[in-house]
Amino acid sequence: MHGPPLVAWLLVALGAATAAYCLVRARPGWPGTTREEREEQSVARAEALMGVGMAVMAVPVSVLEQPPWAAAVLALVFGAAAVRSLLPARRSAHHLHHAVGAVAMVYMTAAMEGAGGSAHAGHGAVGAPLLTGLLLVYFAVYVLAGGVRLVSVPVASGTGAAGPAGPVAVRHAPELASACRVSMAIGMFAMLLTL
């Protein structure tokens, strides 16, 4: 990434923390898990992949110069993730959002690779301005709409009939999953701003 180092490290931390939380949500369930739980795990795995990819892409070049094949691997992984997300997109808006995110990751990888070293040094813009603008608008709208949904969610007390909230309660907390998606969309927006 070719932005200020502090912003890059904040994006690395955001991507890594989001990926870690999503991996907790994606843990395999017990025998007899429902279809909805398997779908939630699939969505969480896709979000974990996106978080890891964001963290890797955001590492400042001054600290760790990625090998020449890294861009091709990232583009291949996220291209496959986009195709995989499009297949079940009819069932869930989350899959369509993941497909847009994966396409944005491929686009950012290709734009930075196409610009060579100048993109990382901050010398000039890279990428197609129209596509960058469309992706920026998409993620801005997603963040604003997700923020409104989060503000309208009632706060859970952390205890219930089953006792205090534990790992299972955290894993199935929809407001945390929504916050995770909003934070990743903010990260994508910030990364696109650097193009």
N, C-alpha and C. Protein backbone atom coordinates (compact mmCIF):
# COMPACT_ATOMS: atom_id res chain seq x y z
N MET A 1 0.83 -1.18 0.00
CA MET A 1 0.00 0.00 0.00
C MET A 1 0.88 1.24 0.00
N HIS A 2 0.45 2.27 -0.67
CA HIS A 2 1.27 3.46 -0.80
C HIS A 2 0.63 4.68 -0.13
N GLY A 3 0.26 4.54 1.10
CA GLY A 3 -0.27 5.67 1.85
C GLY A 3 0.65 5.95 3.02
N PRO A 4 0.21 6.79 3.94
CA PRO A 4 1.01 7.04 5.14
C PRO A 4 1.20 5.74 5.93
N PRO A 5 2.40 5.52 6.48
CA PRO A 5 2.66 4.27 7.21
C PRO A 5 1.69 4.02 8.36
N LEU A 6 1.28 5.06 9.08
CA LEU A 6 0.35 4.87 10.19
C LEU A 6 -0.97 4.31 9.70
N VAL A 7 -1.47 4.84 8.58
CA VAL A 7 -2.73 4.34 8.01
C VAL A 7 -2.55 2.89 7.57
N ALA A 8 -1.41 2.59 6.97
CA ALA A 8 -1.15 1.21 6.52
C ALA A 8 -1.15 0.26 7.71
N TRP A 9 -0.49 0.63 8.80
CA TRP A 9 -0.44 -0.26 9.97
C TRP A 9 -1.81 -0.38 10.63
N LEU A 10 -2.60 0.69 10.61
CA LEU A 10 -3.96 0.58 11.14
C LEU A 10 -4.80 -0.37 10.29
N LEU A 11 -4.60 -0.33 8.97
CA LEU A 11 -5.32 -1.26 8.10
C LEU A 11 -4.85 -2.70 8.31
N VAL A 12 -3.56 -2.89 8.56
CA VAL A 12 -3.05 -4.23 8.87
C VAL A 12 -3.72 -4.74 10.14
N ALA A 13 -3.76 -3.90 11.16
CA ALA A 13 -4.38 -4.30 12.44
C ALA A 13 -5.87 -4.59 12.25
N LEU A 14 -6.56 -3.74 11.50
CA LEU A 14 -7.99 -3.94 11.25
C LEU A 14 -8.23 -5.25 10.51
N GLY A 15 -7.46 -5.50 9.46
CA GLY A 15 -7.63 -6.74 8.69
C GLY A 15 -7.33 -7.97 9.52
N ALA A 16 -6.26 -7.92 10.31
CA ALA A 16 -5.88 -9.08 11.12
C ALA A 16 -6.91 -9.34 12.23
N ALA A 17 -7.36 -8.28 12.89
CA ALA A 17 -8.36 -8.46 13.96
C ALA A 17 -9.68 -8.97 13.41
N THR A 18 -10.08 -8.44 12.28
CA THR A 18 -11.32 -8.90 11.65
C THR A 18 -11.21 -10.36 11.23
N ALA A 19 -10.08 -10.72 10.64
CA ALA A 19 -9.87 -12.11 10.23
C ALA A 19 -9.90 -13.04 11.43
N ALA A 20 -9.28 -12.63 12.53
CA ALA A 20 -9.27 -13.48 13.72
C ALA A 20 -10.68 -13.68 14.26
N TYR A 21 -11.45 -12.61 14.33
CA TYR A 21 -12.83 -12.75 14.81
C TYR A 21 -13.65 -13.63 13.87
N CYS A 22 -13.48 -13.44 12.57
CA CYS A 22 -14.24 -14.24 11.61
C CYS A 22 -13.85 -15.71 11.68
N LEU A 23 -12.59 -16.00 11.95
CA LEU A 23 -12.18 -17.39 12.12
C LEU A 23 -12.85 -18.03 13.33
N VAL A 24 -13.03 -17.26 14.39
CA VAL A 24 -13.76 -17.77 15.56
C VAL A 24 -15.20 -18.09 15.17
N ARG A 25 -15.82 -17.19 14.39
CA ARG A 25 -17.19 -17.44 13.94
C ARG A 25 -17.28 -18.62 12.98
N ALA A 26 -16.19 -18.92 12.27
CA ALA A 26 -16.22 -19.97 11.25
C ALA A 26 -15.89 -21.35 11.80
N ARG A 27 -15.58 -21.45 13.09
CA ARG A 27 -15.24 -22.78 13.63
C ARG A 27 -16.34 -23.78 13.31
N PRO A 28 -15.94 -24.99 12.98
CA PRO A 28 -16.95 -26.01 12.69
C PRO A 28 -17.85 -26.26 13.89
N GLY A 29 -19.10 -26.46 13.60
CA GLY A 29 -20.06 -26.72 14.67
C GLY A 29 -20.05 -28.17 15.10
N TRP A 30 -20.99 -28.52 15.87
CA TRP A 30 -21.15 -29.85 16.38
C TRP A 30 -22.04 -30.64 15.42
N PRO A 31 -22.09 -31.96 15.57
CA PRO A 31 -22.96 -32.75 14.68
C PRO A 31 -24.40 -32.25 14.76
N GLY A 32 -25.03 -32.16 13.63
CA GLY A 32 -26.42 -31.72 13.59
C GLY A 32 -26.58 -30.22 13.43
N THR A 33 -25.53 -29.52 13.02
CA THR A 33 -25.67 -28.07 12.81
C THR A 33 -26.69 -27.83 11.71
N THR A 34 -27.37 -26.73 11.83
CA THR A 34 -28.41 -26.42 10.85
C THR A 34 -27.81 -25.84 9.58
N ARG A 35 -28.62 -25.76 8.58
CA ARG A 35 -28.20 -25.18 7.30
C ARG A 35 -27.81 -23.71 7.50
N GLU A 36 -28.55 -22.99 8.33
CA GLU A 36 -28.25 -21.58 8.59
C GLU A 36 -26.89 -21.43 9.26
N GLU A 37 -26.56 -22.33 10.18
CA GLU A 37 -25.26 -22.27 10.85
C GLU A 37 -24.13 -22.56 9.87
N ARG A 38 -24.35 -23.53 8.97
CA ARG A 38 -23.32 -23.81 7.96
C ARG A 38 -23.15 -22.62 7.03
N GLU A 39 -24.26 -21.95 6.68
CA GLU A 39 -24.19 -20.76 5.83
C GLU A 39 -23.44 -19.65 6.55
N GLU A 40 -23.70 -19.47 7.85
CA GLU A 40 -23.01 -18.45 8.64
C GLU A 40 -21.51 -18.75 8.69
N GLN A 41 -21.14 -20.01 8.81
CA GLN A 41 -19.73 -20.39 8.83
C GLN A 41 -19.07 -20.11 7.48
N SER A 42 -19.79 -20.37 6.40
CA SER A 42 -19.27 -20.10 5.06
C SER A 42 -19.02 -18.60 4.87
N VAL A 43 -19.97 -17.79 5.30
CA VAL A 43 -19.82 -16.34 5.21
C VAL A 43 -18.64 -15.88 6.06
N ALA A 44 -18.51 -16.44 7.26
CA ALA A 44 -17.41 -16.05 8.15
C ALA A 44 -16.06 -16.43 7.55
N ARG A 45 -15.97 -17.59 6.87
CA ARG A 45 -14.70 -17.97 6.23
C ARG A 45 -14.34 -16.99 5.11
N ALA A 46 -15.35 -16.58 4.33
CA ALA A 46 -15.09 -15.61 3.25
C ALA A 46 -14.63 -14.28 3.83
N GLU A 47 -15.22 -13.87 4.94
CA GLU A 47 -14.82 -12.61 5.58
C GLU A 47 -13.42 -12.73 6.18
N ALA A 48 -13.08 -13.89 6.71
CA ALA A 48 -11.73 -14.10 7.25
C ALA A 48 -10.69 -14.00 6.13
N LEU A 49 -10.99 -14.60 4.99
CA LEU A 49 -10.09 -14.51 3.84
C LEU A 49 -9.90 -13.05 3.42
N MET A 50 -10.98 -12.29 3.40
CA MET A 50 -10.89 -10.88 3.03
C MET A 50 -10.04 -10.11 4.04
N GLY A 51 -10.21 -10.40 5.32
CA GLY A 51 -9.42 -9.73 6.34
C GLY A 51 -7.94 -10.03 6.22
N VAL A 52 -7.60 -11.29 5.97
CA VAL A 52 -6.18 -11.67 5.78
C VAL A 52 -5.61 -10.97 4.55
N GLY A 53 -6.38 -10.97 3.45
CA GLY A 53 -5.92 -10.31 2.23
C GLY A 53 -5.70 -8.82 2.43
N MET A 54 -6.62 -8.17 3.16
CA MET A 54 -6.46 -6.74 3.44
C MET A 54 -5.20 -6.49 4.26
N ALA A 55 -4.97 -7.34 5.26
CA ALA A 55 -3.78 -7.17 6.11
C ALA A 55 -2.50 -7.33 5.29
N VAL A 56 -2.48 -8.34 4.43
CA VAL A 56 -1.28 -8.58 3.60
C VAL A 56 -1.05 -7.42 2.64
N MET A 57 -2.12 -6.95 1.99
CA MET A 57 -1.96 -5.87 1.02
C MET A 57 -1.58 -4.54 1.67
N ALA A 58 -1.94 -4.35 2.94
CA ALA A 58 -1.72 -3.07 3.59
C ALA A 58 -0.33 -2.93 4.21
N VAL A 59 0.41 -4.03 4.32
CA VAL A 59 1.75 -3.94 4.92
C VAL A 59 2.58 -2.95 4.11
N PRO A 60 3.16 -1.94 4.77
CA PRO A 60 3.96 -0.95 4.03
C PRO A 60 5.15 -1.60 3.34
N VAL A 61 5.40 -1.18 2.11
CA VAL A 61 6.51 -1.73 1.32
C VAL A 61 7.85 -1.44 1.98
N SER A 62 7.93 -0.33 2.71
CA SER A 62 9.20 0.03 3.37
C SER A 62 9.58 -0.98 4.44
N VAL A 63 8.61 -1.74 4.94
CA VAL A 63 8.88 -2.74 5.98
C VAL A 63 9.10 -4.11 5.37
N LEU A 64 8.25 -4.49 4.46
CA LEU A 64 8.31 -5.83 3.88
C LEU A 64 7.96 -5.74 2.41
N GLU A 65 8.97 -5.88 1.57
CA GLU A 65 8.71 -5.87 0.14
C GLU A 65 8.25 -7.26 -0.26
N GLN A 66 7.06 -7.31 -0.85
CA GLN A 66 6.49 -8.59 -1.22
C GLN A 66 7.21 -9.15 -2.43
N PRO A 67 7.33 -10.48 -2.49
CA PRO A 67 7.98 -11.09 -3.65
C PRO A 67 7.20 -10.80 -4.92
N PRO A 68 7.86 -10.92 -6.07
CA PRO A 68 7.20 -10.57 -7.34
C PRO A 68 5.95 -11.41 -7.63
N TRP A 69 5.88 -12.61 -7.12
CA TRP A 69 4.75 -13.48 -7.40
C TRP A 69 3.57 -13.23 -6.45
N ALA A 70 3.73 -12.40 -5.44
CA ALA A 70 2.67 -12.18 -4.44
C ALA A 70 1.42 -11.58 -5.07
N ALA A 71 1.58 -10.62 -5.97
CA ALA A 71 0.43 -9.99 -6.61
C ALA A 71 -0.38 -11.00 -7.42
N ALA A 72 0.33 -11.87 -8.14
CA ALA A 72 -0.38 -12.88 -8.93
C ALA A 72 -1.14 -13.85 -8.04
N VAL A 73 -0.54 -14.23 -6.92
CA VAL A 73 -1.21 -15.15 -5.99
C VAL A 73 -2.45 -14.48 -5.40
N LEU A 74 -2.30 -13.21 -4.96
CA LEU A 74 -3.45 -12.50 -4.40
C LEU A 74 -4.57 -12.37 -5.44
N ALA A 75 -4.22 -12.02 -6.67
CA ALA A 75 -5.23 -11.88 -7.72
C ALA A 75 -5.93 -13.21 -7.99
N LEU A 76 -5.17 -14.28 -8.01
CA LEU A 76 -5.75 -15.61 -8.24
C LEU A 76 -6.68 -16.02 -7.10
N VAL A 77 -6.23 -15.83 -5.87
CA VAL A 77 -7.04 -16.21 -4.70
C VAL A 77 -8.33 -15.41 -4.67
N PHE A 78 -8.24 -14.10 -4.87
CA PHE A 78 -9.45 -13.28 -4.79
C PHE A 78 -10.31 -13.39 -6.04
N GLY A 79 -9.72 -13.72 -7.17
CA GLY A 79 -10.53 -14.03 -8.34
C GLY A 79 -11.37 -15.28 -8.11
N ALA A 80 -10.74 -16.31 -7.55
CA ALA A 80 -11.48 -17.53 -7.21
C ALA A 80 -12.54 -17.25 -6.15
N ALA A 81 -12.22 -16.40 -5.16
CA ALA A 81 -13.19 -16.06 -4.12
C ALA A 81 -14.38 -15.31 -4.71
N ALA A 82 -14.15 -14.46 -5.70
CA ALA A 82 -15.24 -13.73 -6.35
C ALA A 82 -16.17 -14.70 -7.07
N VAL A 83 -15.59 -15.62 -7.81
CA VAL A 83 -16.41 -16.61 -8.53
C VAL A 83 -17.18 -17.47 -7.54
N ARG A 84 -16.51 -17.91 -6.48
CA ARG A 84 -17.18 -18.75 -5.47
C ARG A 84 -18.31 -17.99 -4.78
N SER A 85 -18.13 -16.70 -4.57
CA SER A 85 -19.18 -15.90 -3.93
C SER A 85 -20.35 -15.63 -4.86
N LEU A 86 -20.11 -15.58 -6.15
CA LEU A 86 -21.19 -15.31 -7.09
C LEU A 86 -22.14 -16.50 -7.23
N LEU A 87 -21.65 -17.70 -7.04
CA LEU A 87 -22.50 -18.88 -7.21
C LEU A 87 -23.70 -18.87 -6.25
N PRO A 88 -23.50 -18.65 -4.94
CA PRO A 88 -24.67 -18.62 -4.04
C PRO A 88 -25.22 -17.21 -3.82
N ALA A 89 -24.87 -16.25 -4.65
CA ALA A 89 -25.29 -14.86 -4.43
C ALA A 89 -26.81 -14.69 -4.50
N ARG A 90 -27.50 -15.60 -5.16
CA ARG A 90 -28.96 -15.50 -5.24
C ARG A 90 -29.60 -15.70 -3.87
N ARG A 91 -28.94 -16.49 -3.01
CA ARG A 91 -29.51 -16.80 -1.69
C ARG A 91 -29.21 -15.74 -0.65
N SER A 92 -28.13 -15.00 -0.80
CA SER A 92 -27.71 -14.11 0.27
C SER A 92 -27.02 -12.87 -0.28
N ALA A 93 -27.41 -11.72 0.28
CA ALA A 93 -26.75 -10.46 -0.11
C ALA A 93 -25.30 -10.45 0.36
N HIS A 94 -25.00 -11.20 1.43
CA HIS A 94 -23.62 -11.24 1.93
C HIS A 94 -22.68 -11.79 0.85
N HIS A 95 -23.14 -12.79 0.13
CA HIS A 95 -22.30 -13.37 -0.92
C HIS A 95 -22.03 -12.37 -2.04
N LEU A 96 -23.04 -11.61 -2.40
CA LEU A 96 -22.85 -10.59 -3.43
C LEU A 96 -21.86 -9.53 -2.95
N HIS A 97 -21.98 -9.14 -1.68
CA HIS A 97 -21.03 -8.17 -1.11
C HIS A 97 -19.62 -8.75 -1.11
N HIS A 98 -19.48 -10.03 -0.78
CA HIS A 98 -18.16 -10.66 -0.81
C HIS A 98 -17.58 -10.69 -2.22
N ALA A 99 -18.46 -10.92 -3.19
CA ALA A 99 -17.99 -10.92 -4.58
C ALA A 99 -17.48 -9.54 -4.98
N VAL A 100 -18.19 -8.49 -4.59
CA VAL A 100 -17.74 -7.12 -4.90
C VAL A 100 -16.42 -6.85 -4.19
N GLY A 101 -16.31 -7.27 -2.93
CA GLY A 101 -15.06 -7.08 -2.19
C GLY A 101 -13.90 -7.83 -2.82
N ALA A 102 -14.14 -9.06 -3.25
CA ALA A 102 -13.08 -9.85 -3.88
C ALA A 102 -12.65 -9.23 -5.21
N VAL A 103 -13.62 -8.75 -5.98
CA VAL A 103 -13.29 -8.08 -7.24
C VAL A 103 -12.48 -6.81 -6.96
N ALA A 104 -12.85 -6.09 -5.91
CA ALA A 104 -12.09 -4.88 -5.54
C ALA A 104 -10.66 -5.24 -5.15
N MET A 105 -10.48 -6.37 -4.47
CA MET A 105 -9.12 -6.79 -4.09
C MET A 105 -8.31 -7.14 -5.34
N VAL A 106 -8.93 -7.84 -6.29
CA VAL A 106 -8.24 -8.16 -7.55
C VAL A 106 -7.88 -6.87 -8.28
N TYR A 107 -8.81 -5.94 -8.32
CA TYR A 107 -8.58 -4.66 -8.99
C TYR A 107 -7.43 -3.90 -8.34
N MET A 108 -7.42 -3.82 -7.02
CA MET A 108 -6.34 -3.10 -6.34
C MET A 108 -5.00 -3.78 -6.56
N THR A 109 -4.99 -5.10 -6.53
CA THR A 109 -3.75 -5.83 -6.77
C THR A 109 -3.24 -5.56 -8.18
N ALA A 110 -4.13 -5.64 -9.17
CA ALA A 110 -3.74 -5.41 -10.56
C ALA A 110 -3.29 -3.96 -10.78
N ALA A 111 -3.99 -3.02 -10.16
CA ALA A 111 -3.63 -1.61 -10.34
C ALA A 111 -2.27 -1.31 -9.75
N MET A 112 -2.01 -1.82 -8.57
CA MET A 112 -0.71 -1.57 -7.94
C MET A 112 0.41 -2.31 -8.67
N GLU A 113 0.13 -3.50 -9.13
CA GLU A 113 1.15 -4.26 -9.88
C GLU A 113 1.42 -3.61 -11.22
N GLY A 114 0.36 -3.11 -11.87
CA GLY A 114 0.51 -2.46 -13.17
C GLY A 114 1.31 -1.17 -13.08
N ALA A 115 1.26 -0.52 -11.92
CA ALA A 115 1.99 0.73 -11.75
C ALA A 115 3.43 0.48 -11.35
N GLY A 116 3.76 -0.75 -11.02
CA GLY A 116 5.13 -1.09 -10.62
C GLY A 116 5.51 -0.40 -9.34
N GLY A 117 6.75 -0.01 -9.21
CA GLY A 117 7.25 0.60 -7.99
C GLY A 117 6.70 1.99 -7.74
N SER A 118 6.22 2.66 -8.79
CA SER A 118 5.76 4.03 -8.57
C SER A 118 4.52 4.08 -7.70
N ALA A 119 3.70 3.04 -7.74
CA ALA A 119 2.49 3.04 -6.91
C ALA A 119 2.86 2.98 -5.44
N HIS A 120 3.89 2.22 -5.14
CA HIS A 120 4.26 2.08 -3.74
C HIS A 120 5.00 3.31 -3.23
N ALA A 121 5.64 4.01 -4.10
CA ALA A 121 6.37 5.20 -3.66
C ALA A 121 5.46 6.41 -3.55
N GLY A 122 4.22 6.28 -4.03
CA GLY A 122 3.28 7.39 -3.95
C GLY A 122 3.43 8.39 -5.07
N HIS A 123 3.99 7.99 -6.20
CA HIS A 123 4.20 8.89 -7.33
C HIS A 123 3.13 8.66 -8.38
N GLY A 124 2.04 9.35 -8.27
CA GLY A 124 1.02 9.27 -9.31
C GLY A 124 -0.07 8.27 -8.98
N ALA A 125 -1.21 8.48 -9.63
CA ALA A 125 -2.36 7.64 -9.39
C ALA A 125 -2.26 6.36 -10.23
N VAL A 126 -2.89 5.34 -9.73
CA VAL A 126 -2.96 4.08 -10.45
C VAL A 126 -4.42 3.67 -10.54
N GLY A 127 -4.71 2.76 -11.46
CA GLY A 127 -6.07 2.27 -11.57
C GLY A 127 -6.92 3.15 -12.47
N ALA A 128 -8.12 2.66 -12.75
CA ALA A 128 -9.07 3.39 -13.60
C ALA A 128 -9.92 4.29 -12.70
N PRO A 129 -9.90 5.59 -12.93
CA PRO A 129 -10.63 6.50 -12.04
C PRO A 129 -12.12 6.17 -11.93
N LEU A 130 -12.77 5.78 -13.04
CA LEU A 130 -14.19 5.47 -12.99
C LEU A 130 -14.46 4.26 -12.10
N LEU A 131 -13.71 3.18 -12.29
CA LEU A 131 -13.90 1.98 -11.48
C LEU A 131 -13.57 2.24 -10.02
N THR A 132 -12.49 2.97 -9.79
CA THR A 132 -12.14 3.33 -8.42
C THR A 132 -13.26 4.13 -7.78
N GLY A 133 -13.81 5.09 -8.52
CA GLY A 133 -14.91 5.90 -8.00
C GLY A 133 -16.15 5.07 -7.70
N LEU A 134 -16.49 4.15 -8.60
CA LEU A 134 -17.66 3.29 -8.36
C LEU A 134 -17.47 2.42 -7.11
N LEU A 135 -16.27 1.86 -6.95
CA LEU A 135 -16.01 1.05 -5.76
C LEU A 135 -16.03 1.90 -4.50
N LEU A 136 -15.48 3.11 -4.58
CA LEU A 136 -15.53 4.01 -3.42
C LEU A 136 -16.97 4.33 -3.03
N VAL A 137 -17.81 4.61 -4.01
CA VAL A 137 -19.22 4.90 -3.73
C VAL A 137 -19.89 3.66 -3.12
N TYR A 138 -19.65 2.49 -3.68
CA TYR A 138 -20.25 1.27 -3.16
C TYR A 138 -19.89 1.07 -1.68
N PHE A 139 -18.59 1.15 -1.37
CA PHE A 139 -18.18 0.90 0.01
C PHE A 139 -18.63 2.02 0.96
N ALA A 140 -18.69 3.25 0.47
CA ALA A 140 -19.19 4.35 1.31
C ALA A 140 -20.66 4.12 1.65
N VAL A 141 -21.45 3.76 0.66
CA VAL A 141 -22.88 3.49 0.90
C VAL A 141 -23.03 2.29 1.83
N TYR A 142 -22.23 1.26 1.62
CA TYR A 142 -22.30 0.07 2.48
C TYR A 142 -21.99 0.43 3.93
N VAL A 143 -20.95 1.25 4.14
CA VAL A 143 -20.57 1.65 5.50
C VAL A 143 -21.68 2.47 6.14
N LEU A 144 -22.22 3.43 5.40
CA LEU A 144 -23.28 4.27 5.96
C LEU A 144 -24.54 3.46 6.29
N ALA A 145 -24.94 2.59 5.36
CA ALA A 145 -26.13 1.77 5.61
C ALA A 145 -25.89 0.79 6.75
N GLY A 146 -24.70 0.19 6.80
CA GLY A 146 -24.38 -0.72 7.89
C GLY A 146 -24.30 -0.01 9.22
N GLY A 147 -23.78 1.20 9.22
CA GLY A 147 -23.73 1.98 10.46
C GLY A 147 -25.11 2.30 10.98
N VAL A 148 -26.03 2.66 10.08
CA VAL A 148 -27.41 2.94 10.49
C VAL A 148 -28.04 1.69 11.08
N ARG A 149 -27.81 0.53 10.46
CA ARG A 149 -28.36 -0.72 11.00
C ARG A 149 -27.78 -1.03 12.37
N LEU A 150 -26.48 -0.78 12.54
CA LEU A 150 -25.85 -1.05 13.83
C LEU A 150 -26.38 -0.14 14.93
N VAL A 151 -26.62 1.11 14.61
CA VAL A 151 -27.13 2.05 15.60
C VAL A 151 -28.53 1.66 16.04
N SER A 152 -29.30 1.08 15.14
CA SER A 152 -30.68 0.72 15.47
C SER A 152 -30.82 -0.63 16.17
N VAL A 153 -29.71 -1.39 16.34
CA VAL A 153 -29.76 -2.69 17.00
C VAL A 153 -29.77 -2.48 18.51
N PRO A 154 -30.73 -3.08 19.23
CA PRO A 154 -30.73 -2.95 20.68
C PRO A 154 -29.51 -3.65 21.29
N VAL A 155 -28.98 -3.09 22.36
CA VAL A 155 -27.80 -3.64 23.02
C VAL A 155 -28.21 -4.82 23.88
N ALA A 156 -27.49 -5.95 23.72
CA ALA A 156 -27.76 -7.14 24.53
C ALA A 156 -27.09 -6.97 25.89
N SER A 157 -27.70 -7.54 26.92
CA SER A 157 -27.17 -7.39 28.28
C SER A 157 -26.01 -8.32 28.55
N GLY A 158 -25.82 -9.35 27.75
CA GLY A 158 -24.72 -10.29 27.97
C GLY A 158 -25.13 -11.47 28.83
N THR A 159 -26.30 -11.42 29.45
CA THR A 159 -26.81 -12.56 30.21
C THR A 159 -28.18 -12.89 29.70
N GLY A 160 -28.57 -14.07 29.91
CA GLY A 160 -29.88 -14.50 29.47
C GLY A 160 -30.30 -15.70 30.27
N ALA A 161 -31.27 -16.42 29.75
CA ALA A 161 -31.77 -17.59 30.46
C ALA A 161 -30.70 -18.65 30.59
N ALA A 162 -29.78 -18.70 29.65
CA ALA A 162 -28.74 -19.72 29.70
C ALA A 162 -27.54 -19.28 30.51
N GLY A 163 -27.55 -18.06 31.04
CA GLY A 163 -26.40 -17.61 31.84
C GLY A 163 -25.61 -16.57 31.09
N PRO A 164 -24.41 -16.24 31.58
CA PRO A 164 -23.60 -15.21 30.94
C PRO A 164 -23.18 -15.60 29.53
N ALA A 165 -22.95 -14.59 28.75
CA ALA A 165 -22.53 -14.83 27.36
C ALA A 165 -21.16 -15.48 27.34
N GLY A 166 -21.02 -16.48 26.51
CA GLY A 166 -19.76 -17.18 26.38
C GLY A 166 -19.34 -17.20 24.93
N PRO A 167 -18.42 -18.10 24.57
CA PRO A 167 -17.93 -18.15 23.19
C PRO A 167 -19.03 -18.40 22.17
N VAL A 168 -20.02 -19.23 22.52
CA VAL A 168 -21.10 -19.51 21.57
C VAL A 168 -21.93 -18.26 21.34
N ALA A 169 -22.20 -17.50 22.43
CA ALA A 169 -22.98 -16.27 22.27
C ALA A 169 -22.23 -15.25 21.42
N VAL A 170 -20.93 -15.14 21.60
CA VAL A 170 -20.13 -14.21 20.81
C VAL A 170 -20.12 -14.65 19.36
N ARG A 171 -20.02 -15.95 19.15
CA ARG A 171 -19.95 -16.47 17.79
C ARG A 171 -21.21 -16.18 17.00
N HIS A 172 -22.36 -16.17 17.67
CA HIS A 172 -23.63 -15.99 16.98
C HIS A 172 -24.21 -14.60 17.16
N ALA A 173 -23.42 -13.64 17.64
CA ALA A 173 -23.92 -12.28 17.83
C ALA A 173 -23.98 -11.57 16.48
N PRO A 174 -25.19 -11.35 15.95
CA PRO A 174 -25.29 -10.75 14.62
C PRO A 174 -24.76 -9.33 14.57
N GLU A 175 -24.87 -8.58 15.67
CA GLU A 175 -24.37 -7.20 15.64
C GLU A 175 -22.85 -7.16 15.54
N LEU A 176 -22.15 -8.15 16.12
CA LEU A 176 -20.69 -8.21 15.97
C LEU A 176 -20.30 -8.56 14.55
N ALA A 177 -21.04 -9.46 13.94
CA ALA A 177 -20.77 -9.82 12.54
C ALA A 177 -21.01 -8.61 11.64
N SER A 178 -22.06 -7.84 11.92
CA SER A 178 -22.33 -6.64 11.13
C SER A 178 -21.23 -5.60 11.33
N ALA A 179 -20.78 -5.44 12.57
CA ALA A 179 -19.69 -4.50 12.85
C ALA A 179 -18.42 -4.92 12.12
N CYS A 180 -18.20 -6.23 12.06
CA CYS A 180 -17.04 -6.78 11.35
C CYS A 180 -17.11 -6.41 9.87
N ARG A 181 -18.27 -6.56 9.27
CA ARG A 181 -18.44 -6.24 7.85
C ARG A 181 -18.26 -4.74 7.60
N VAL A 182 -18.81 -3.93 8.49
CA VAL A 182 -18.67 -2.48 8.33
C VAL A 182 -17.20 -2.07 8.46
N SER A 183 -16.49 -2.66 9.42
CA SER A 183 -15.08 -2.29 9.59
C SER A 183 -14.24 -2.70 8.38
N MET A 184 -14.55 -3.86 7.80
CA MET A 184 -13.82 -4.27 6.59
C MET A 184 -14.17 -3.36 5.41
N ALA A 185 -15.42 -2.92 5.33
CA ALA A 185 -15.79 -2.00 4.25
C ALA A 185 -15.07 -0.66 4.42
N ILE A 186 -14.89 -0.22 5.67
CA ILE A 186 -14.12 1.00 5.92
C ILE A 186 -12.68 0.80 5.46
N GLY A 187 -12.12 -0.37 5.76
CA GLY A 187 -10.76 -0.68 5.32
C GLY A 187 -10.63 -0.70 3.81
N MET A 188 -11.62 -1.29 3.14
CA MET A 188 -11.60 -1.31 1.67
C MET A 188 -11.67 0.11 1.11
N PHE A 189 -12.53 0.93 1.72
CA PHE A 189 -12.65 2.32 1.29
C PHE A 189 -11.31 3.04 1.43
N ALA A 190 -10.66 2.85 2.57
CA ALA A 190 -9.37 3.51 2.81
C ALA A 190 -8.31 3.02 1.82
N MET A 191 -8.31 1.72 1.53
CA MET A 191 -7.33 1.18 0.58
C MET A 191 -7.58 1.72 -0.83
N LEU A 192 -8.87 1.84 -1.20
CA LEU A 192 -9.18 2.38 -2.52
C LEU A 192 -8.81 3.84 -2.64
N LEU A 193 -8.87 4.58 -1.54
CA LEU A 193 -8.47 5.99 -1.57
C LEU A 193 -7.01 6.17 -1.93
N THR A 194 -6.18 5.15 -1.66
CA THR A 194 -4.76 5.27 -1.93
C THR A 194 -4.43 5.02 -3.40
N LEU A 195 -5.40 4.53 -4.19
CA LEU A 195 -5.13 4.28 -5.61
C LEU A 195 -5.06 5.58 -6.39
